[in-house]
Each structure stands twice: as structure tokens, then as C-alpha cells.
């Protein structure tokens, strides 16, 4: 019994640490988005910019995938199928709307303000995960949500004497709400190949935004700036989303977004260094409040007796995590992917809302 508990503990710690690193890396890559997008928006219309960012993600990750295929590397991930069509459609539609709102917001507010305000995505993701997708959120996460909401409100008020809201901030919050829903749809796809999900997301959302840009007659931009936007999309969207999905697989939607809170702070530093934007006192107060909220979000612990229902699905896995005990006709070591069945079982160990712990509370 003690050996089994230790096995669970080691597997949990290993996969959680890897997932946290993936979430932080995703945050760092996305953090450069706001300041550099702000610069490119002087030369590219907002709707076209949104389209180019996602197309850059799709094209870039498609090239990486082709290199993987040509290199004849073993493919361990499960592919997206027709069964996942509903969340795929939801993900694409929301990814068309969100960056357009963000680009509109960036034209009306500073890049630093937009970067930090992006933390409201944690609130939206957590609330949607809790009330619609029934993901467990503990007391510390609730406190984190309250603090991050407060910080977002501080940033949204442009004049404290009259309490009028900045239109640019409202657009950024609208983008965060869209991404909150999108994060939960993407969580449903996290069991599948992250690279394939990013390619689908990139081309689907990119072409959708491109159609809107065409209807709005906003397809004018220089080739050099288009190429720079595509490159930015590959780094800040493509690679970032890839690591974000890998983190979601183990951490769930709400907790991944909490670690992702590092992105706005990276954006603030980049805005200060690249655009020399002024940092106000209200901005500094919001930073402190958001840091407090982020601390409570990432320090939440979750452990209780829970029941695993019988389930059959397909995804990349190994047999060292205490949840994959099925047998193979021939000996298989390391990670692999195939359709497999979990028998119903009841036990207690530390866990996050990963793909095997989406039970109700």
C-alpha cells in the first residue's frame, strides 16, 4: 500500500512540475504579444492583424509538424477525430472574436495596460470552468479570482474621480471572456495531439478573421509587416498555445490559466523596454494585487478520496502513473498512444483536474 501511494505521489509531482513549466513557458512566449502587436498595429489594421497572428501560428506549427514527419520521428499523440468536432468549432469561433477584440483594445489603450489586464482571462476561465464545466475550484483559487478581478477593475478605470471605464479596457476584457470560454473548449481537446490542435486553431481562426478583415476592407498592409506579424503569431500564439495545451492536459483549465498569469507581467516589462510606456501608481497597485492573486492560485492543494468511473479513450500515456494498468500482448516501455479502458476504481492521492480527474465534488 505504501509503495502504491509513493508511486502516485512521484507520478503526480513529476507530471505537475512538467505541466507548470509548460504553462510558464507558454506565458513567457505570449507575454511579448502586446508590445510588438502594438507596434505593428501602426502599419496593419486590427482585424487583419488578428488574422495574421493565428495564420502565423497555423503555418509555423504545420511546418514543425512536417519536419517531424520527414524526420520519421515516432508519433505518440492521439489525433483529433470527428468526435471532437463540437469543441473544435467552438474553439475556432471564439478564437476569431477574441484577438479582434484585443487588437481593437490595443488601439485605444497602452500595451502595458492591455498586457496586465489580460490576467482577467484567469477569472473568466475559472468561472466558466466552475459553473459550466464543473471543474473543482478550492478556497485559495476563489481568493485568487477575487484579487485578480479587483486588479482588473483598477486597470479598467481611466478616471478615478468619475469612475468612467476605458473603452480600450472593455475591449480587452471582452477578449478575455472569449478566451475564457475558448480555454475550456481547448481543455476538452487537450487529450489529443497539441500540435494538431494548434494547426487547426491557427488556420480555422486565421481564415475566419481574414474573411472579417476582407468584409471590413482592412486587407492593406506592407509585405514586410505581414511577414513580421506571421512570425510573431508563430512565437506568441503557435508555440505558446502548444505548451498551454500540454499544461492543460495535466492541470485543467483554471489552474493552467493561473500559471499563465505570468504573461501580462512579461508583457509589461516588454512594453517598458520596447515602447518606453509610462508606469502609473494605479498600475503598480494593480501589479501588487495581481501578484497576490497569482500566489493564491498556484499554491492551492487538492487531495481527497475520489471515484474513477469506467472509461475508454485514446491519448499518450505510460504505465508508471498509477492510472494505466491495462495489459499489452507485447511488452511496451515508455510513452505510447492507443485506445485503452480504465476500470472503475476508488482511491485517495494528490491530484489536479487532469484528463483522469474530472470528477464532480
Protein backbone atom coordinates (compact mmCIF):
# COMPACT_ATOMS: atom_id res chain seq x y z
CA UNK A 1 0.00 0.00 0.00
CA UNK A 2 2.80 2.44 0.93
CA UNK A 3 4.53 1.64 -2.36
CA UNK A 4 1.37 2.43 -4.32
CA UNK A 5 0.96 5.78 -2.54
CA UNK A 6 4.58 6.68 -3.28
CA UNK A 7 4.03 5.72 -6.92
CA UNK A 8 1.05 8.06 -7.14
CA UNK A 9 3.00 10.83 -5.39
CA UNK A 10 6.05 10.58 -7.65
CA UNK A 11 3.93 10.44 -10.81
CA UNK A 12 1.82 13.40 -9.64
CA UNK A 13 4.86 15.54 -8.75
CA UNK A 14 6.67 14.73 -12.00
CA UNK A 15 3.78 15.43 -14.33
CA UNK A 16 2.69 18.50 -12.35
CA UNK A 17 6.19 20.03 -12.43
CA UNK A 18 6.44 19.42 -16.19
CA UNK A 19 2.98 20.91 -16.74
CA UNK A 20 3.79 24.00 -14.65
CA UNK A 21 6.97 24.59 -16.65
CA UNK A 22 4.97 24.25 -19.88
CA UNK A 23 2.39 26.78 -18.62
CA UNK A 24 5.08 29.28 -17.59
CA UNK A 25 6.88 28.87 -20.94
CA UNK A 26 3.56 29.46 -22.71
CA UNK A 27 3.15 32.64 -20.64
CA UNK A 28 6.61 33.93 -21.48
CA UNK A 29 6.07 33.35 -25.22
CA UNK A 30 2.66 35.04 -25.18
CA UNK A 31 3.92 37.88 -22.98
CA UNK A 32 5.72 39.52 -25.91
CA UNK A 33 2.47 39.73 -27.90
CA UNK A 34 1.01 43.05 -26.69
CA UNK A 35 4.02 45.39 -27.14
CA UNK A 36 5.03 44.02 -30.54
CA UNK A 37 1.42 43.87 -31.74
CA UNK A 38 1.06 47.49 -30.60
CA UNK A 39 4.00 48.43 -32.84
CA UNK A 40 2.66 46.51 -35.84
CA UNK A 41 -0.83 47.99 -35.45
CA UNK A 42 0.60 51.27 -36.73
CA UNK A 43 1.03 49.50 -40.08
CA UNK A 44 -1.63 46.73 -40.02
CA UNK A 45 -5.42 47.11 -39.39
CA UNK A 46 -6.73 45.34 -36.23
CA UNK A 47 -8.81 42.61 -37.92
CA UNK A 48 -6.03 41.76 -40.40
CA UNK A 49 -3.55 41.70 -37.53
CA UNK A 50 -5.71 39.19 -35.64
CA UNK A 51 -5.91 37.00 -38.75
CA UNK A 52 -2.15 37.11 -39.35
CA UNK A 53 -1.33 36.15 -35.76
CA UNK A 54 -3.38 32.95 -35.96
CA UNK A 55 -2.30 32.16 -39.51
CA UNK A 56 1.30 32.52 -38.34
CA UNK A 57 0.56 30.03 -35.57
CA UNK A 58 -1.03 27.56 -38.00
CA UNK A 59 1.65 27.87 -40.70
CA UNK A 60 4.52 27.71 -38.22
CA UNK A 61 3.25 24.65 -36.38
CA UNK A 62 2.37 22.93 -39.68
CA UNK A 63 5.99 23.36 -40.79
CA UNK A 64 7.22 21.98 -37.45
CA UNK A 65 4.86 19.02 -37.86
CA UNK A 66 6.09 18.33 -41.41
CA UNK A 67 9.68 18.39 -40.19
CA UNK A 68 8.69 15.85 -37.54
CA UNK A 69 7.08 13.63 -40.19
CA UNK A 70 10.02 13.92 -42.57
CA UNK A 71 12.37 13.09 -39.73
CA UNK A 72 10.36 9.89 -39.28
CA UNK A 73 10.01 10.51 -35.56
CA UNK A 74 7.56 8.19 -33.85
CA UNK A 75 4.14 9.80 -33.43
CA UNK A 76 2.91 9.19 -29.90
CA UNK A 77 -0.09 11.53 -29.73
CA UNK A 78 -3.73 10.70 -30.47
CA UNK A 79 -5.24 12.52 -33.46
CA UNK A 80 -8.31 14.78 -33.39
CA UNK A 81 -11.38 12.93 -34.77
CA UNK A 82 -14.95 13.82 -35.83
CA UNK A 83 -16.00 13.11 -32.25
CA UNK A 84 -14.22 16.30 -31.15
CA UNK A 85 -15.94 18.46 -33.81
CA UNK A 86 -18.19 20.48 -31.39
CA UNK A 87 -15.32 21.78 -29.19
CA UNK A 88 -13.21 22.39 -32.33
CA UNK A 89 -15.92 24.62 -33.83
CA UNK A 90 -16.42 26.46 -30.53
CA UNK A 91 -12.67 26.96 -30.17
CA UNK A 92 -12.32 28.40 -33.68
CA UNK A 93 -15.27 30.81 -33.44
CA UNK A 94 -14.11 32.17 -30.09
CA UNK A 95 -10.55 32.49 -31.39
CA UNK A 96 -11.84 34.61 -34.25
CA UNK A 97 -13.60 37.02 -31.90
CA UNK A 98 -11.02 37.25 -29.07
CA UNK A 99 -7.96 38.61 -30.94
CA UNK A 100 -10.12 41.11 -32.85
CA UNK A 101 -11.37 42.48 -29.51
CA UNK A 102 -7.77 42.54 -28.23
CA UNK A 103 -6.43 44.37 -31.29
CA UNK A 104 -9.26 46.93 -31.04
CA UNK A 105 -8.42 47.37 -27.36
CA UNK A 106 -4.73 47.87 -28.14
CA UNK A 107 -5.61 50.73 -30.49
CA UNK A 108 -7.37 52.51 -27.59
CA UNK A 109 -5.14 51.74 -24.59
CA UNK A 110 -1.47 51.19 -23.79
CA UNK A 111 0.23 47.86 -24.45
CA UNK A 112 1.28 47.63 -20.78
CA UNK A 113 -2.29 48.16 -19.59
CA UNK A 114 -3.60 45.56 -22.04
CA UNK A 115 -0.89 43.09 -21.00
CA UNK A 116 -1.74 43.26 -17.32
CA UNK A 117 -5.48 43.39 -17.95
CA UNK A 118 -5.11 40.10 -19.84
CA UNK A 119 -4.95 38.48 -16.39
CA UNK A 120 -8.76 38.80 -16.31
CA UNK A 121 -8.64 35.72 -18.55
CA UNK A 122 -7.93 33.72 -15.36
CA UNK A 123 -11.20 34.94 -13.84
CA UNK A 124 -13.22 34.17 -16.96
CA UNK A 125 -11.62 30.75 -17.41
CA UNK A 126 -12.12 29.81 -13.75
CA UNK A 127 -15.75 30.93 -13.58
CA UNK A 128 -16.64 29.13 -16.80
CA UNK A 129 -14.74 26.02 -15.68
CA UNK A 130 -16.58 26.03 -12.35
CA UNK A 131 -20.16 26.84 -13.31
CA UNK A 132 -20.40 25.36 -16.82
CA UNK A 133 -17.79 22.59 -16.99
CA UNK A 134 -17.98 21.70 -13.24
CA UNK A 135 -14.22 21.86 -12.60
CA UNK A 136 -13.32 21.91 -8.90
CA UNK A 137 -12.06 25.26 -7.55
CA UNK A 138 -10.86 25.48 -3.93
CA UNK A 139 -10.82 28.35 -1.41
CA UNK A 140 -7.40 29.62 -2.50
CA UNK A 141 -8.48 29.72 -6.14
CA UNK A 142 -11.62 31.63 -5.16
CA UNK A 143 -9.47 34.17 -3.32
CA UNK A 144 -7.20 34.42 -6.34
CA UNK A 145 -10.18 35.09 -8.60
CA UNK A 146 -11.42 37.90 -6.31
CA UNK A 147 -7.98 39.56 -6.18
CA UNK A 148 -7.40 39.31 -9.94
CA UNK A 149 -10.88 40.72 -10.60
CA UNK A 150 -10.11 43.65 -8.30
CA UNK A 151 -6.82 44.31 -10.08
CA UNK A 152 -8.55 44.17 -13.45
CA UNK A 153 -11.13 46.73 -12.28
CA UNK A 154 -8.36 49.06 -11.08
CA UNK A 155 -6.79 48.91 -14.53
CA UNK A 156 -10.10 49.41 -16.33
CA UNK A 157 -10.95 52.72 -14.63
CA UNK A 158 -9.43 55.58 -16.60
CA UNK A 159 -10.55 58.35 -14.23
CA UNK A 160 -10.97 57.51 -10.52
CA UNK A 161 -12.83 60.77 -9.82
CA UNK A 162 -15.68 59.88 -12.17
CA UNK A 163 -15.27 56.10 -12.36
CA UNK A 164 -15.63 56.03 -16.14
CA UNK A 165 -14.38 52.91 -17.88
CA UNK A 166 -11.80 52.98 -20.63
CA UNK A 167 -13.26 51.67 -23.88
CA UNK A 168 -9.92 50.05 -24.69
CA UNK A 169 -10.01 48.14 -21.40
CA UNK A 170 -13.56 46.97 -22.08
CA UNK A 171 -12.44 45.52 -25.42
CA UNK A 172 -9.55 43.70 -23.72
CA UNK A 173 -11.94 42.28 -21.07
CA UNK A 174 -14.28 41.13 -23.87
CA UNK A 175 -11.31 39.32 -25.43
CA UNK A 176 -10.54 37.69 -22.07
CA UNK A 177 -14.12 36.41 -21.72
CA UNK A 178 -13.95 34.91 -25.21
CA UNK A 179 -10.64 33.27 -24.35
CA UNK A 180 -12.12 32.05 -21.07
CA UNK A 181 -14.71 30.05 -22.99
CA UNK A 182 -12.11 29.04 -25.58
CA UNK A 183 -9.73 27.75 -22.88
CA UNK A 184 -12.44 25.42 -21.61
CA UNK A 185 -13.20 24.14 -25.12
CA UNK A 186 -9.49 23.63 -25.72
CA UNK A 187 -9.25 21.74 -22.42
CA UNK A 188 -11.65 19.20 -23.93
CA UNK A 189 -9.11 18.71 -26.74
CA UNK A 190 -6.00 18.58 -24.53
CA UNK A 191 -6.09 14.78 -24.60
CA UNK A 192 -5.25 14.95 -28.33
CA UNK A 193 -2.10 15.94 -30.23
CA UNK A 194 -1.33 19.55 -29.14
CA UNK A 195 0.45 20.31 -32.41
CA UNK A 196 -2.55 19.22 -34.47
CA UNK A 197 -4.88 21.27 -32.26
CA UNK A 198 -2.73 24.40 -32.80
CA UNK A 199 -2.70 23.86 -36.60
CA UNK A 200 -6.50 23.50 -36.64
CA UNK A 201 -6.89 26.51 -34.34
CA UNK A 202 -4.45 28.62 -36.35
CA UNK A 203 -5.89 28.03 -39.81
CA UNK A 204 -9.53 27.92 -38.69
CA UNK A 205 -9.39 31.12 -36.63
CA UNK A 206 -6.94 32.81 -39.01
CA UNK A 207 -9.06 32.34 -42.13
CA UNK A 208 -12.20 33.28 -40.19
CA UNK A 209 -10.63 36.57 -39.08
CA UNK A 210 -9.29 37.08 -42.62
CA UNK A 211 -12.85 36.90 -44.01
CA UNK A 212 -13.93 39.55 -41.48
CA UNK A 213 -10.94 41.70 -42.45
CA UNK A 214 -11.97 41.37 -46.12
CA UNK A 215 -15.57 42.40 -45.33
CA UNK A 216 -14.25 45.36 -43.32
CA UNK A 217 -11.89 46.28 -46.20
CA UNK A 218 -8.87 46.02 -43.92
CA UNK A 219 -6.57 43.89 -46.09
CA UNK A 220 -4.00 46.63 -46.77
CA UNK A 221 -0.51 46.20 -45.30
CA UNK A 222 3.10 46.02 -46.50
CA UNK A 223 4.61 42.58 -47.15
CA UNK A 224 7.40 43.13 -44.59
CA UNK A 225 4.90 43.91 -41.84
CA UNK A 226 2.74 40.92 -42.85
CA UNK A 227 5.76 38.61 -42.53
CA UNK A 228 6.65 40.11 -39.12
CA UNK A 229 3.06 39.57 -37.92
CA UNK A 230 3.15 35.95 -39.11
CA UNK A 231 6.44 35.40 -37.25
CA UNK A 232 5.01 36.99 -34.12
CA UNK A 233 1.95 34.73 -34.46
CA UNK A 234 4.13 31.62 -34.67
CA UNK A 235 6.03 32.52 -31.48
CA UNK A 236 3.41 34.31 -29.33
CA UNK A 237 0.42 32.21 -30.44
CA UNK A 238 1.64 28.96 -32.05
CA UNK A 239 4.37 27.89 -29.64
CA UNK A 240 2.57 29.45 -26.68
CA UNK A 241 -0.70 27.61 -27.38
CA UNK A 242 1.20 24.34 -27.92
CA UNK A 243 2.74 24.47 -24.44
CA UNK A 244 -0.53 25.78 -22.94
CA UNK A 245 -2.44 22.73 -24.21
CA UNK A 246 0.22 20.37 -22.86
CA UNK A 247 -0.15 22.07 -19.45
CA UNK A 248 -3.97 21.88 -19.59
CA UNK A 249 -3.77 18.14 -20.06
CA UNK A 250 -2.40 17.75 -16.53
CA UNK A 251 -3.58 20.87 -14.67
CA UNK A 252 -7.07 21.57 -16.01
CA UNK A 253 -8.35 24.88 -17.38
CA UNK A 254 -8.48 27.05 -14.23
CA UNK A 255 -5.07 26.13 -12.81
CA UNK A 256 -3.27 26.40 -16.14
CA UNK A 257 -4.65 29.90 -16.60
CA UNK A 258 -3.38 30.78 -13.10
CA UNK A 259 0.21 29.89 -14.01
CA UNK A 260 -0.33 31.65 -17.30
CA UNK A 261 -0.79 34.83 -15.28
CA UNK A 262 2.94 35.43 -15.73
CA UNK A 263 2.24 36.51 -19.34
CA UNK A 264 0.94 40.03 -18.54
CA UNK A 265 3.94 40.77 -16.33
CA UNK A 266 6.26 39.72 -19.16
CA UNK A 267 4.22 41.99 -21.41
CA UNK A 268 4.59 44.92 -19.01
CA UNK A 269 8.37 44.53 -18.92
CA UNK A 270 8.50 44.26 -22.70
CA UNK A 271 6.28 47.36 -23.09
CA UNK A 272 8.51 49.33 -20.76
CA UNK A 273 11.69 48.18 -22.53
CA UNK A 274 10.47 48.39 -26.14
CA UNK A 275 7.84 51.15 -26.16
CA UNK A 276 9.04 53.15 -23.10
CA UNK A 277 5.49 53.34 -21.80
CA UNK A 278 4.93 55.16 -18.50
CA UNK A 279 4.05 53.11 -15.41
CA UNK A 280 1.43 54.83 -13.18
CA UNK A 281 0.68 54.39 -9.46
CA UNK A 282 -2.64 52.67 -10.19
CA UNK A 283 -0.72 50.35 -12.48
CA UNK A 284 1.71 49.48 -9.67
CA UNK A 285 -1.16 48.85 -7.21
CA UNK A 286 -2.79 46.53 -9.73
CA UNK A 287 0.51 44.66 -10.15
CA UNK A 288 0.77 44.05 -6.39
CA UNK A 289 -2.85 42.87 -6.15
CA UNK A 290 -2.40 40.55 -9.15
CA UNK A 291 0.79 39.09 -7.71
CA UNK A 292 -1.13 38.28 -4.51
CA UNK A 293 -3.91 36.69 -6.55
CA UNK A 294 -1.44 34.66 -8.59
CA UNK A 295 0.24 33.38 -5.41
CA UNK A 296 -3.03 32.03 -4.03
CA UNK A 297 -3.89 30.49 -7.40
CA UNK A 298 -0.66 28.50 -7.71
CA UNK A 299 -0.45 27.45 -4.04
CA UNK A 300 -3.78 25.58 -3.98
CA UNK A 301 -3.55 21.92 -2.90
CA UNK A 302 -6.14 19.27 -3.73
CA UNK A 303 -6.37 15.77 -2.18
CA UNK A 304 -9.40 13.61 -1.31
CA UNK A 305 -10.95 10.21 -1.88
CA UNK A 306 -12.40 10.08 -5.37
CA UNK A 307 -14.03 7.60 -7.73
CA UNK A 308 -12.84 6.89 -11.27
CA UNK A 309 -15.72 5.77 -13.48
CA UNK A 310 -15.01 3.13 -16.11
CA UNK A 311 -13.81 4.90 -19.27
CA UNK A 312 -12.43 4.11 -22.72
CA UNK A 313 -10.41 6.73 -24.59
CA UNK A 314 -7.19 7.31 -26.54
CA UNK A 315 -4.24 9.52 -25.65
CA UNK A 316 -0.48 9.45 -24.98
CA UNK A 317 0.33 7.72 -21.68
CA UNK A 318 2.74 5.43 -19.84
CA UNK A 319 2.28 2.74 -17.21
CA UNK A 320 4.10 4.47 -14.37
CA UNK A 321 1.43 6.91 -13.19
CA UNK A 322 -0.82 4.52 -11.26
CA UNK A 323 -3.80 5.07 -13.59
CA UNK A 324 -2.83 2.95 -16.61
CA UNK A 325 -2.71 -0.65 -15.51
CA UNK A 326 -4.04 -2.32 -18.67
CA UNK A 327 -2.01 -5.11 -20.28
CA UNK A 328 -0.44 -5.41 -23.73
CA UNK A 329 0.14 -8.54 -25.75
CA UNK A 330 3.77 -7.49 -26.17
CA UNK A 331 5.96 -5.58 -23.73
CA UNK A 332 5.79 -1.79 -24.18
CA UNK A 333 8.01 0.65 -22.29
CA UNK A 334 7.75 4.43 -22.13
CA UNK A 335 5.06 6.65 -23.61
CA UNK A 336 2.72 5.39 -26.30
CA UNK A 337 -0.79 6.04 -27.63
CA UNK A 338 -3.70 3.69 -28.28
CA UNK A 339 -7.33 3.20 -27.28
CA UNK A 340 -7.49 1.74 -23.77
CA UNK A 341 -10.00 1.13 -20.99
CA UNK A 342 -9.88 2.22 -17.35
CA UNK A 343 -11.73 0.06 -14.87
CA UNK A 344 -13.76 1.80 -12.16
CA UNK A 345 -11.63 2.40 -9.07
CA UNK A 346 -11.70 4.42 -5.85
CA UNK A 347 -8.63 5.85 -4.09
CA UNK A 348 -7.07 8.92 -2.49
CA UNK A 349 -3.99 10.89 -3.58
CA UNK A 350 -2.98 14.46 -4.55
CA UNK A 351 -4.32 15.40 -7.98
CA UNK A 352 -5.31 18.20 -10.32
CA UNK A 353 -8.30 18.28 -12.74
CA UNK A 354 -6.29 16.47 -15.43
CA UNK A 355 -7.86 14.19 -18.02
CA UNK A 356 -8.35 11.44 -15.43
CA UNK A 357 -9.61 13.61 -12.55
CA UNK A 358 -12.60 15.50 -13.88
CA UNK A 359 -14.94 14.07 -11.29
CA UNK A 360 -17.61 16.10 -9.50
CA UNK A 361 -17.30 17.29 -5.88
